[in-house]
């Protein structure tokens, strides 16, 4: 950017304004958030992907009953900044994890109340995780979990099991390998809750 362009106004167009098949598409008031992130080096070195997620999905703090836990807790974490855990949901049309009730469902105590007597089948104890490689690189990483996992299997986007996709769980972690921009889906079967 030359010094002469520093005072130029910036304009943004975020809507396509199509007229077919719906002449009222994109009409009305719209709000969006954007940010400029000056940085040195590559977007990978600067952590642009992580910063973008923090901007678009800000941390939401909610009050919880009882005293605060003595230690920190996370259901999942990934060892590489190049791999993004994008989705956690119940398998086969179940609800997507991310609502304010998650602390009750996936809390440190692994709330067995979530499973009714009728839902103790393996299907209702199965989560789908979708992860992708965001830096355009080949990556080997670890997916760590604090949940009691019984079985881990690779699957396709339709949640069909890959017959050769059984993953070995060691010390509450799974080894994953990604090609550039590859999306991976996993089925994680939780252990049955204690009676």
N, C-alpha and C. Protein backbone atom coordinates (compact mmCIF):
# COMPACT_ATOMS: atom_id res chain seq x y z
N UNK A 1 0.85 -1.17 0.00
CA UNK A 1 0.00 0.00 0.00
C UNK A 1 0.89 1.23 0.00
N UNK A 2 0.67 2.15 -0.89
CA UNK A 2 1.49 3.37 -0.94
C UNK A 2 0.96 4.38 0.07
N UNK A 3 1.78 5.37 0.40
CA UNK A 3 1.36 6.38 1.37
C UNK A 3 0.19 7.21 0.84
N UNK A 4 0.02 7.30 -0.46
CA UNK A 4 -1.08 8.07 -1.02
C UNK A 4 -2.42 7.39 -0.80
N UNK A 5 -2.42 6.10 -0.55
CA UNK A 5 -3.70 5.39 -0.40
C UNK A 5 -4.17 5.28 1.04
N UNK A 6 -3.43 5.85 1.98
CA UNK A 6 -3.82 5.72 3.39
C UNK A 6 -5.13 6.41 3.70
N UNK A 7 -5.52 7.43 2.96
CA UNK A 7 -6.74 8.15 3.28
C UNK A 7 -7.92 7.72 2.41
N UNK A 8 -7.75 6.70 1.61
CA UNK A 8 -8.86 6.24 0.77
C UNK A 8 -9.90 5.53 1.62
N UNK A 9 -11.18 5.77 1.34
CA UNK A 9 -12.22 5.07 2.10
C UNK A 9 -12.26 3.59 1.72
N UNK A 10 -12.71 2.79 2.63
CA UNK A 10 -12.85 1.36 2.39
C UNK A 10 -14.33 1.04 2.27
N UNK A 11 -14.69 0.21 1.31
CA UNK A 11 -16.08 -0.20 1.19
C UNK A 11 -16.13 -1.72 1.12
N UNK A 12 -17.23 -2.27 1.60
CA UNK A 12 -17.39 -3.71 1.65
C UNK A 12 -18.71 -4.09 1.02
N UNK A 13 -18.71 -5.14 0.25
CA UNK A 13 -19.94 -5.69 -0.29
C UNK A 13 -20.02 -7.14 0.15
N UNK A 14 -20.99 -7.48 0.96
CA UNK A 14 -21.10 -8.82 1.51
C UNK A 14 -22.29 -9.60 0.96
N UNK A 15 -23.14 -8.97 0.16
CA UNK A 15 -24.33 -9.64 -0.35
C UNK A 15 -24.25 -9.76 -1.87
N UNK A 16 -24.79 -10.86 -2.39
CA UNK A 16 -24.77 -11.07 -3.83
C UNK A 16 -25.95 -10.36 -4.52
N UNK A 17 -27.04 -10.15 -3.80
CA UNK A 17 -28.25 -9.52 -4.32
C UNK A 17 -28.82 -10.22 -5.55
N UNK A 18 -29.02 -11.53 -5.50
CA UNK A 18 -29.63 -12.22 -6.63
C UNK A 18 -31.11 -11.87 -6.74
N UNK A 19 -31.65 -11.93 -7.92
CA UNK A 19 -33.06 -11.63 -8.14
C UNK A 19 -33.86 -12.88 -8.51
N UNK A 20 -33.20 -14.00 -8.72
CA UNK A 20 -33.93 -15.22 -9.04
C UNK A 20 -33.33 -16.36 -8.22
N UNK A 21 -34.08 -17.25 -7.72
CA UNK A 21 -35.52 -17.41 -7.88
C UNK A 21 -36.35 -16.57 -6.91
N UNK A 22 -35.70 -15.89 -5.93
CA UNK A 22 -36.43 -15.13 -4.93
C UNK A 22 -36.05 -13.66 -5.05
N UNK A 23 -37.01 -12.82 -5.45
CA UNK A 23 -36.71 -11.39 -5.65
C UNK A 23 -36.47 -10.66 -4.33
N UNK A 24 -36.82 -11.29 -3.21
CA UNK A 24 -36.60 -10.65 -1.91
C UNK A 24 -35.37 -11.20 -1.19
N UNK A 25 -34.57 -12.02 -1.88
CA UNK A 25 -33.39 -12.60 -1.24
C UNK A 25 -32.44 -11.50 -0.77
N UNK A 26 -31.87 -11.68 0.38
CA UNK A 26 -30.87 -10.78 0.97
C UNK A 26 -31.39 -9.38 1.25
N UNK A 27 -32.69 -9.17 1.22
CA UNK A 27 -33.26 -7.86 1.53
C UNK A 27 -33.34 -7.69 3.05
N UNK A 28 -33.31 -6.47 3.51
CA UNK A 28 -33.45 -6.20 4.93
C UNK A 28 -32.13 -5.79 5.55
N UNK A 29 -32.15 -5.71 6.85
CA UNK A 29 -30.97 -5.28 7.61
C UNK A 29 -30.06 -6.48 7.87
N UNK A 30 -28.77 -6.26 7.70
CA UNK A 30 -27.78 -7.30 7.94
C UNK A 30 -26.68 -6.74 8.83
N UNK A 31 -26.17 -7.58 9.72
CA UNK A 31 -25.05 -7.20 10.57
C UNK A 31 -23.97 -8.24 10.40
N UNK A 32 -22.73 -7.80 10.44
CA UNK A 32 -21.61 -8.73 10.38
C UNK A 32 -20.43 -8.13 11.12
N UNK A 33 -19.50 -8.97 11.43
CA UNK A 33 -18.28 -8.56 12.12
C UNK A 33 -17.10 -8.86 11.23
N UNK A 34 -16.17 -7.96 11.17
CA UNK A 34 -14.94 -8.23 10.44
C UNK A 34 -13.80 -7.55 11.18
N UNK A 35 -12.60 -7.99 10.86
CA UNK A 35 -11.42 -7.41 11.50
C UNK A 35 -10.26 -7.47 10.52
N UNK A 36 -9.37 -6.53 10.66
CA UNK A 36 -8.10 -6.56 9.95
C UNK A 36 -7.05 -7.01 10.95
N UNK A 37 -6.17 -7.90 10.52
CA UNK A 37 -5.15 -8.41 11.43
C UNK A 37 -3.78 -8.28 10.78
N UNK A 38 -3.16 -7.14 10.93
CA UNK A 38 -1.80 -7.00 10.40
C UNK A 38 -0.87 -7.99 11.11
N UNK A 39 0.03 -8.59 10.37
CA UNK A 39 0.94 -9.55 10.99
C UNK A 39 2.19 -9.71 10.14
N UNK A 40 3.23 -10.19 10.77
CA UNK A 40 4.46 -10.53 10.07
C UNK A 40 4.42 -12.00 9.71
N UNK A 41 5.11 -12.37 8.67
CA UNK A 41 5.21 -13.78 8.30
C UNK A 41 3.92 -14.30 7.69
N UNK A 42 3.81 -15.59 7.67
CA UNK A 42 2.65 -16.24 7.05
C UNK A 42 1.43 -16.20 7.97
N UNK A 43 0.26 -16.47 7.40
CA UNK A 43 -0.94 -16.51 8.23
C UNK A 43 -0.85 -17.67 9.22
N UNK A 44 -0.12 -18.73 8.87
CA UNK A 44 0.05 -19.85 9.79
C UNK A 44 0.86 -19.43 11.01
N UNK A 45 1.98 -18.74 10.78
CA UNK A 45 2.83 -18.30 11.88
C UNK A 45 2.12 -17.28 12.77
N UNK A 46 1.27 -16.46 12.17
CA UNK A 46 0.60 -15.39 12.92
C UNK A 46 -0.63 -15.88 13.67
N UNK A 47 -1.09 -17.11 13.40
CA UNK A 47 -2.27 -17.62 14.10
C UNK A 47 -3.57 -17.00 13.63
N UNK A 48 -3.65 -16.68 12.33
CA UNK A 48 -4.84 -16.02 11.80
C UNK A 48 -6.09 -16.90 11.94
N UNK A 49 -5.97 -18.19 11.69
CA UNK A 49 -7.13 -19.09 11.80
C UNK A 49 -7.68 -19.06 13.22
N UNK A 50 -6.81 -19.17 14.20
CA UNK A 50 -7.23 -19.15 15.61
C UNK A 50 -7.88 -17.80 15.96
N UNK A 51 -7.27 -16.72 15.52
CA UNK A 51 -7.83 -15.39 15.79
C UNK A 51 -9.20 -15.22 15.14
N UNK A 52 -9.37 -15.76 13.93
CA UNK A 52 -10.66 -15.67 13.24
C UNK A 52 -11.74 -16.43 13.99
N UNK A 53 -11.41 -17.60 14.50
CA UNK A 53 -12.39 -18.35 15.30
C UNK A 53 -12.72 -17.60 16.58
N UNK A 54 -11.74 -17.00 17.23
CA UNK A 54 -12.01 -16.22 18.44
C UNK A 54 -12.92 -15.04 18.15
N UNK A 55 -12.77 -14.42 16.98
CA UNK A 55 -13.63 -13.30 16.60
C UNK A 55 -15.05 -13.77 16.31
N UNK A 56 -15.19 -14.83 15.53
CA UNK A 56 -16.50 -15.27 15.08
C UNK A 56 -17.24 -16.15 16.07
N UNK A 57 -16.52 -16.76 17.00
CA UNK A 57 -17.14 -17.61 18.02
C UNK A 57 -16.56 -17.22 19.38
N UNK A 58 -16.96 -16.06 19.89
CA UNK A 58 -16.36 -15.60 21.16
C UNK A 58 -16.73 -16.54 22.31
N UNK A 59 -15.83 -16.59 23.28
CA UNK A 59 -16.05 -17.41 24.46
C UNK A 59 -17.27 -16.89 25.20
N UNK A 60 -18.15 -17.78 25.57
CA UNK A 60 -19.36 -17.43 26.29
C UNK A 60 -19.26 -17.99 27.70
N UNK A 61 -19.24 -17.13 28.68
CA UNK A 61 -19.16 -17.56 30.08
C UNK A 61 -20.57 -17.57 30.65
N UNK A 62 -20.94 -18.70 31.22
CA UNK A 62 -22.25 -18.85 31.81
C UNK A 62 -22.12 -19.23 33.28
N UNK A 63 -23.01 -18.73 34.13
CA UNK A 63 -22.94 -19.14 35.53
C UNK A 63 -23.32 -20.61 35.66
N UNK A 64 -22.65 -21.30 36.56
CA UNK A 64 -22.93 -22.71 36.82
C UNK A 64 -23.26 -22.87 38.29
N UNK A 65 -24.13 -23.81 38.60
CA UNK A 65 -24.45 -24.02 40.01
C UNK A 65 -23.26 -24.63 40.75
N UNK A 66 -23.18 -24.31 42.02
CA UNK A 66 -22.14 -24.90 42.85
C UNK A 66 -20.82 -24.18 42.73
N UNK A 67 -19.82 -24.69 43.45
CA UNK A 67 -18.50 -24.05 43.42
C UNK A 67 -17.79 -24.31 42.10
N UNK A 68 -16.86 -23.44 41.79
CA UNK A 68 -16.05 -23.59 40.58
C UNK A 68 -15.16 -24.81 40.71
N UNK A 69 -14.93 -25.53 39.60
CA UNK A 69 -14.05 -26.70 39.69
C UNK A 69 -12.64 -26.29 40.07
N UNK A 70 -11.95 -27.18 40.77
CA UNK A 70 -10.60 -26.89 41.23
C UNK A 70 -9.58 -26.94 40.10
N UNK A 71 -9.88 -27.68 39.06
CA UNK A 71 -8.96 -27.80 37.93
C UNK A 71 -9.67 -27.43 36.64
N UNK A 72 -8.88 -27.14 35.63
CA UNK A 72 -9.47 -26.87 34.32
C UNK A 72 -9.84 -28.19 33.67
N UNK A 73 -10.76 -28.12 32.71
CA UNK A 73 -11.25 -29.33 32.06
C UNK A 73 -11.61 -29.01 30.63
N UNK A 74 -11.32 -29.93 29.73
CA UNK A 74 -11.69 -29.78 28.33
C UNK A 74 -12.10 -31.14 27.80
N UNK A 75 -13.20 -31.19 27.07
CA UNK A 75 -13.64 -32.46 26.47
C UNK A 75 -12.67 -32.90 25.39
N UNK A 76 -12.18 -31.94 24.57
CA UNK A 76 -11.27 -32.27 23.47
C UNK A 76 -10.24 -31.16 23.31
N UNK A 77 -9.05 -31.54 22.84
CA UNK A 77 -8.04 -30.59 22.40
C UNK A 77 -7.20 -31.26 21.32
N UNK A 78 -6.60 -30.44 20.47
CA UNK A 78 -5.80 -30.94 19.34
C UNK A 78 -4.39 -30.39 19.50
N UNK A 79 -3.39 -31.22 19.25
CA UNK A 79 -2.00 -30.83 19.49
C UNK A 79 -1.44 -29.89 18.43
N UNK A 80 -2.06 -29.77 17.27
CA UNK A 80 -1.51 -28.93 16.20
C UNK A 80 -2.42 -27.73 15.92
N UNK A 81 -1.84 -26.53 15.81
CA UNK A 81 -2.65 -25.37 15.45
C UNK A 81 -3.15 -25.43 14.00
N UNK A 82 -2.59 -26.34 13.20
CA UNK A 82 -3.02 -26.47 11.81
C UNK A 82 -4.32 -27.25 11.68
N UNK A 83 -4.72 -27.95 12.73
CA UNK A 83 -5.93 -28.78 12.68
C UNK A 83 -7.01 -28.13 13.53
N UNK A 84 -8.17 -27.94 12.93
CA UNK A 84 -9.30 -27.29 13.60
C UNK A 84 -10.38 -28.33 13.88
N UNK A 85 -10.79 -28.42 15.14
CA UNK A 85 -11.94 -29.24 15.51
C UNK A 85 -13.17 -28.39 15.28
N UNK A 86 -13.87 -28.64 14.20
CA UNK A 86 -14.95 -27.78 13.74
C UNK A 86 -16.31 -28.15 14.35
N UNK A 87 -16.59 -29.45 14.49
CA UNK A 87 -17.92 -29.87 14.90
C UNK A 87 -17.84 -31.02 15.89
N UNK A 88 -18.72 -30.97 16.89
CA UNK A 88 -18.96 -32.09 17.79
C UNK A 88 -20.47 -32.25 17.85
N UNK A 89 -20.97 -33.41 17.45
CA UNK A 89 -22.42 -33.61 17.47
C UNK A 89 -22.74 -35.05 17.78
N UNK A 90 -23.97 -35.29 18.18
CA UNK A 90 -24.41 -36.66 18.39
C UNK A 90 -24.60 -37.30 17.02
N UNK A 91 -24.27 -38.57 16.90
CA UNK A 91 -24.33 -39.27 15.61
C UNK A 91 -25.77 -39.44 15.13
N UNK A 92 -25.90 -39.55 13.81
CA UNK A 92 -27.16 -39.85 13.13
C UNK A 92 -28.31 -38.92 13.50
N UNK A 93 -28.16 -37.66 13.10
CA UNK A 93 -29.25 -36.72 13.27
C UNK A 93 -29.42 -36.19 14.67
N UNK A 94 -28.48 -36.46 15.54
CA UNK A 94 -28.57 -35.94 16.90
C UNK A 94 -28.29 -34.46 16.93
N UNK A 95 -28.44 -33.87 18.10
CA UNK A 95 -28.24 -32.44 18.21
C UNK A 95 -26.76 -32.08 18.14
N UNK A 96 -26.48 -30.87 17.72
CA UNK A 96 -25.10 -30.39 17.64
C UNK A 96 -24.69 -29.89 19.01
N UNK A 97 -23.47 -30.22 19.43
CA UNK A 97 -22.95 -29.78 20.72
C UNK A 97 -22.47 -28.35 20.58
N UNK A 98 -22.81 -27.51 21.51
CA UNK A 98 -22.37 -26.13 21.45
C UNK A 98 -23.34 -25.22 22.17
N UNK A 99 -24.41 -25.77 22.73
CA UNK A 99 -25.39 -24.96 23.43
C UNK A 99 -25.00 -24.74 24.88
N UNK A 100 -25.75 -23.90 25.59
CA UNK A 100 -25.42 -23.59 26.97
C UNK A 100 -25.57 -24.79 27.91
N UNK A 101 -26.24 -25.86 27.46
CA UNK A 101 -26.42 -27.03 28.31
C UNK A 101 -25.25 -27.99 28.21
N UNK A 102 -24.23 -27.68 27.43
CA UNK A 102 -23.08 -28.58 27.26
C UNK A 102 -22.39 -28.90 28.58
N UNK A 103 -22.32 -27.93 29.48
CA UNK A 103 -21.63 -28.18 30.74
C UNK A 103 -22.32 -29.31 31.50
N UNK A 104 -23.62 -29.43 31.35
CA UNK A 104 -24.34 -30.51 32.00
C UNK A 104 -24.12 -31.83 31.26
N UNK A 105 -24.03 -31.77 29.93
CA UNK A 105 -23.92 -33.00 29.14
C UNK A 105 -22.49 -33.52 29.11
N UNK A 106 -21.54 -32.65 28.82
CA UNK A 106 -20.14 -33.07 28.67
C UNK A 106 -19.27 -32.57 29.81
N UNK A 107 -19.87 -32.34 30.96
CA UNK A 107 -19.12 -31.78 32.08
C UNK A 107 -18.09 -32.73 32.64
N UNK A 108 -17.24 -32.23 33.55
CA UNK A 108 -16.17 -33.05 34.11
C UNK A 108 -16.69 -34.32 34.78
N UNK A 109 -17.89 -34.29 35.27
CA UNK A 109 -18.43 -35.46 35.94
C UNK A 109 -18.97 -36.48 34.95
N UNK A 110 -18.96 -36.16 33.65
CA UNK A 110 -19.51 -37.03 32.60
C UNK A 110 -20.92 -37.44 32.99
N UNK A 111 -21.78 -36.49 32.95
CA UNK A 111 -23.14 -36.58 33.46
C UNK A 111 -23.91 -37.79 32.91
N UNK A 112 -24.07 -38.87 33.69
CA UNK A 112 -24.80 -40.03 33.20
C UNK A 112 -26.29 -39.76 33.06
N UNK A 113 -26.81 -38.69 33.65
CA UNK A 113 -28.23 -38.38 33.53
C UNK A 113 -28.62 -38.08 32.09
N UNK A 114 -27.65 -37.73 31.24
CA UNK A 114 -27.94 -37.45 29.84
C UNK A 114 -28.54 -38.67 29.15
N UNK A 115 -28.14 -39.86 29.56
CA UNK A 115 -28.60 -41.08 28.92
C UNK A 115 -29.81 -41.62 29.66
N UNK A 116 -30.98 -41.62 29.02
CA UNK A 116 -32.14 -42.25 29.62
C UNK A 116 -31.98 -43.76 29.46
N UNK A 117 -32.83 -44.52 30.12
CA UNK A 117 -32.75 -45.99 30.01
C UNK A 117 -32.90 -46.43 28.56
N UNK A 118 -33.76 -45.74 27.81
CA UNK A 118 -34.00 -46.12 26.40
C UNK A 118 -32.86 -45.72 25.48
N UNK A 119 -31.97 -44.84 25.96
CA UNK A 119 -30.91 -44.31 25.09
C UNK A 119 -29.54 -44.89 25.39
N UNK A 120 -29.45 -45.98 26.08
CA UNK A 120 -28.14 -46.53 26.43
C UNK A 120 -27.55 -47.38 25.32
N UNK A 121 -28.19 -47.39 24.15
CA UNK A 121 -27.63 -48.15 23.04
C UNK A 121 -26.37 -47.44 22.54
N UNK A 122 -25.58 -48.16 21.79
CA UNK A 122 -24.33 -47.58 21.28
C UNK A 122 -24.60 -46.38 20.39
N UNK A 123 -25.66 -46.40 19.60
CA UNK A 123 -25.95 -45.28 18.70
C UNK A 123 -26.12 -43.98 19.48
N UNK A 124 -26.78 -44.06 20.60
CA UNK A 124 -27.02 -42.85 21.38
C UNK A 124 -25.81 -42.44 22.22
N UNK A 125 -24.80 -43.27 22.26
CA UNK A 125 -23.56 -42.94 22.96
C UNK A 125 -22.46 -42.57 21.98
N UNK A 126 -22.82 -42.29 20.72
CA UNK A 126 -21.81 -42.03 19.70
C UNK A 126 -21.80 -40.56 19.31
N UNK A 127 -20.60 -39.97 19.33
CA UNK A 127 -20.40 -38.59 18.89
C UNK A 127 -19.70 -38.59 17.55
N UNK A 128 -19.98 -37.57 16.76
CA UNK A 128 -19.26 -37.35 15.50
C UNK A 128 -18.41 -36.10 15.69
N UNK A 129 -17.14 -36.22 15.35
CA UNK A 129 -16.23 -35.07 15.37
C UNK A 129 -15.78 -34.83 13.94
N UNK A 130 -15.79 -33.57 13.51
CA UNK A 130 -15.25 -33.20 12.21
C UNK A 130 -14.08 -32.26 12.44
N UNK A 131 -12.96 -32.60 11.85
CA UNK A 131 -11.74 -31.81 11.96
C UNK A 131 -11.23 -31.54 10.56
N UNK A 132 -10.50 -30.45 10.38
CA UNK A 132 -9.88 -30.20 9.09
C UNK A 132 -8.51 -29.56 9.27
N UNK A 133 -7.68 -29.78 8.25
CA UNK A 133 -6.34 -29.19 8.23
C UNK A 133 -6.48 -27.83 7.55
N UNK A 134 -6.08 -26.75 8.23
CA UNK A 134 -6.34 -25.39 7.77
C UNK A 134 -5.14 -24.65 7.21
N UNK A 135 -3.94 -25.23 7.28
CA UNK A 135 -2.73 -24.51 6.87
C UNK A 135 -2.18 -24.94 5.51
N UNK A 136 -2.80 -25.93 4.89
CA UNK A 136 -2.29 -26.40 3.61
C UNK A 136 -1.03 -27.24 3.76
N UNK A 137 -0.96 -28.03 4.82
CA UNK A 137 0.25 -28.81 5.09
C UNK A 137 -0.10 -30.25 5.44
N UNK A 138 0.89 -31.11 5.42
CA UNK A 138 0.74 -32.48 5.92
C UNK A 138 0.99 -32.44 7.41
N UNK A 139 0.07 -33.00 8.19
CA UNK A 139 0.16 -32.89 9.65
C UNK A 139 -0.14 -34.23 10.30
N UNK A 140 0.70 -34.59 11.26
CA UNK A 140 0.41 -35.66 12.22
C UNK A 140 0.13 -34.97 13.54
N UNK A 141 -0.98 -35.32 14.17
CA UNK A 141 -1.31 -34.66 15.43
C UNK A 141 -2.01 -35.63 16.35
N UNK A 142 -2.23 -35.17 17.57
CA UNK A 142 -2.97 -35.93 18.58
C UNK A 142 -4.27 -35.22 18.90
N UNK A 143 -5.34 -36.00 18.98
CA UNK A 143 -6.61 -35.51 19.49
C UNK A 143 -6.72 -36.06 20.91
N UNK A 144 -6.76 -35.15 21.88
CA UNK A 144 -6.86 -35.54 23.28
C UNK A 144 -8.32 -35.43 23.73
N UNK A 145 -8.74 -36.34 24.58
CA UNK A 145 -10.09 -36.27 25.13
C UNK A 145 -10.08 -36.66 26.60
N UNK A 146 -10.97 -36.07 27.34
CA UNK A 146 -11.13 -36.46 28.74
C UNK A 146 -12.41 -37.26 28.93
N UNK A 147 -13.09 -37.56 27.82
CA UNK A 147 -14.31 -38.36 27.89
C UNK A 147 -13.95 -39.85 27.89
N UNK A 148 -14.79 -40.68 28.47
CA UNK A 148 -14.52 -42.12 28.50
C UNK A 148 -14.89 -42.75 27.16
N UNK A 149 -13.91 -42.94 26.30
CA UNK A 149 -14.15 -43.45 24.94
C UNK A 149 -14.02 -44.98 24.94
N UNK A 150 -14.99 -45.64 24.35
CA UNK A 150 -14.97 -47.09 24.20
C UNK A 150 -14.36 -47.49 22.87
N UNK A 151 -14.66 -46.70 21.81
CA UNK A 151 -14.21 -47.05 20.46
C UNK A 151 -14.11 -45.78 19.63
N UNK A 152 -13.13 -45.73 18.72
CA UNK A 152 -12.94 -44.60 17.82
C UNK A 152 -12.78 -45.14 16.40
N UNK A 153 -13.59 -44.60 15.47
CA UNK A 153 -13.61 -45.09 14.10
C UNK A 153 -13.66 -43.91 13.14
N UNK A 154 -12.89 -43.97 12.06
CA UNK A 154 -13.03 -42.98 10.99
C UNK A 154 -14.34 -43.25 10.27
N UNK A 155 -14.96 -42.18 9.76
CA UNK A 155 -16.20 -42.35 9.00
C UNK A 155 -16.21 -41.31 7.88
N UNK A 156 -17.21 -41.42 6.99
CA UNK A 156 -17.35 -40.44 5.92
C UNK A 156 -18.28 -39.33 6.39
N UNK A 157 -18.56 -38.38 5.51
CA UNK A 157 -19.41 -37.24 5.89
C UNK A 157 -20.85 -37.66 6.18
N UNK A 158 -21.25 -38.84 5.69
CA UNK A 158 -22.59 -39.36 5.97
C UNK A 158 -22.60 -40.23 7.22
N UNK A 159 -21.50 -40.25 7.94
CA UNK A 159 -21.33 -40.98 9.19
C UNK A 159 -21.34 -42.49 9.00
N UNK A 160 -20.97 -42.94 7.79
CA UNK A 160 -20.83 -44.37 7.53
C UNK A 160 -19.42 -44.78 7.96
N UNK A 161 -19.33 -45.82 8.75
CA UNK A 161 -18.05 -46.29 9.27
C UNK A 161 -17.12 -46.73 8.15
N UNK A 162 -15.87 -46.38 8.29
CA UNK A 162 -14.82 -46.88 7.40
C UNK A 162 -14.39 -48.22 7.98
N UNK A 163 -14.58 -49.34 7.22
CA UNK A 163 -14.26 -50.66 7.78
C UNK A 163 -12.79 -50.80 8.19
N UNK A 164 -11.90 -50.02 7.59
CA UNK A 164 -10.49 -50.09 7.96
C UNK A 164 -10.07 -48.91 8.84
N UNK A 165 -11.05 -48.17 9.36
CA UNK A 165 -10.75 -46.93 10.06
C UNK A 165 -10.75 -46.98 11.56
N UNK A 166 -10.57 -48.16 12.17
CA UNK A 166 -10.50 -48.22 13.63
C UNK A 166 -9.24 -47.52 14.11
N UNK A 167 -9.41 -46.65 15.09
CA UNK A 167 -8.28 -45.89 15.63
C UNK A 167 -7.94 -46.41 17.02
N UNK A 168 -6.68 -46.45 17.29
CA UNK A 168 -6.21 -46.93 18.58
C UNK A 168 -6.17 -45.77 19.57
N UNK A 169 -6.85 -45.93 20.68
CA UNK A 169 -6.89 -44.92 21.74
C UNK A 169 -5.83 -45.27 22.77
N UNK A 170 -4.86 -44.35 22.96
CA UNK A 170 -3.78 -44.56 23.92
C UNK A 170 -3.70 -43.36 24.84
N UNK A 171 -3.78 -43.61 26.12
CA UNK A 171 -3.67 -42.52 27.11
C UNK A 171 -4.63 -41.38 26.80
N UNK A 172 -5.86 -41.71 26.46
CA UNK A 172 -6.90 -40.72 26.16
C UNK A 172 -6.54 -39.83 24.97
N UNK A 173 -5.85 -40.39 23.99
CA UNK A 173 -5.52 -39.61 22.80
C UNK A 173 -5.55 -40.51 21.56
N UNK A 174 -5.83 -39.87 20.43
CA UNK A 174 -5.88 -40.54 19.13
C UNK A 174 -4.87 -39.88 18.21
N UNK A 175 -4.11 -40.67 17.47
CA UNK A 175 -3.17 -40.12 16.48
C UNK A 175 -3.92 -39.96 15.16
N UNK A 176 -3.84 -38.76 14.58
CA UNK A 176 -4.50 -38.46 13.31
C UNK A 176 -3.50 -37.90 12.33
N UNK A 177 -3.69 -38.22 11.06
CA UNK A 177 -2.84 -37.73 9.98
C UNK A 177 -3.71 -37.00 8.96
N UNK A 178 -3.26 -35.82 8.53
CA UNK A 178 -4.01 -35.00 7.59
C UNK A 178 -3.15 -34.63 6.39
N UNK A 179 -3.78 -34.61 5.22
CA UNK A 179 -3.20 -34.02 4.01
C UNK A 179 -3.63 -32.56 3.99
N UNK A 180 -3.05 -31.74 3.10
CA UNK A 180 -3.45 -30.33 3.04
C UNK A 180 -4.96 -30.16 2.85
N UNK A 181 -5.57 -29.39 3.72
CA UNK A 181 -6.99 -29.03 3.71
C UNK A 181 -7.94 -30.22 3.80
N UNK A 182 -7.46 -31.36 4.24
CA UNK A 182 -8.29 -32.56 4.36
C UNK A 182 -9.27 -32.42 5.51
N UNK A 183 -10.50 -32.91 5.29
CA UNK A 183 -11.53 -32.99 6.32
C UNK A 183 -11.58 -34.43 6.78
N UNK A 184 -11.62 -34.64 8.08
CA UNK A 184 -11.76 -35.98 8.65
C UNK A 184 -12.96 -36.00 9.58
N UNK A 185 -13.71 -37.08 9.53
CA UNK A 185 -14.83 -37.30 10.44
C UNK A 185 -14.54 -38.54 11.27
N UNK A 186 -14.83 -38.45 12.55
CA UNK A 186 -14.61 -39.56 13.48
C UNK A 186 -15.90 -39.88 14.20
N UNK A 187 -16.11 -41.15 14.45
CA UNK A 187 -17.17 -41.61 15.34
C UNK A 187 -16.50 -42.01 16.65
N UNK A 188 -16.94 -41.43 17.73
CA UNK A 188 -16.42 -41.78 19.05
C UNK A 188 -17.57 -42.37 19.87
N UNK A 189 -17.44 -43.64 20.22
CA UNK A 189 -18.45 -44.31 21.03
C UNK A 189 -18.04 -44.16 22.49
N UNK A 190 -18.91 -43.53 23.27
CA UNK A 190 -18.65 -43.35 24.70
C UNK A 190 -18.92 -44.65 25.45
N UNK A 191 -18.18 -44.87 26.51
CA UNK A 191 -18.44 -46.02 27.35
C UNK A 191 -19.81 -45.86 27.99
N UNK A 192 -20.49 -46.96 28.25
CA UNK A 192 -21.80 -46.83 28.91
C UNK A 192 -21.64 -46.15 30.26
N UNK A 193 -22.59 -45.31 30.64
CA UNK A 193 -22.50 -44.64 31.94
C UNK A 193 -22.64 -45.66 33.07
N UNK A 194 -22.05 -45.37 34.21
CA UNK A 194 -22.19 -46.29 35.34
C UNK A 194 -23.64 -46.33 35.81
N UNK A 195 -24.04 -47.46 36.33
CA UNK A 195 -25.43 -47.60 36.81
C UNK A 195 -25.65 -46.85 38.09
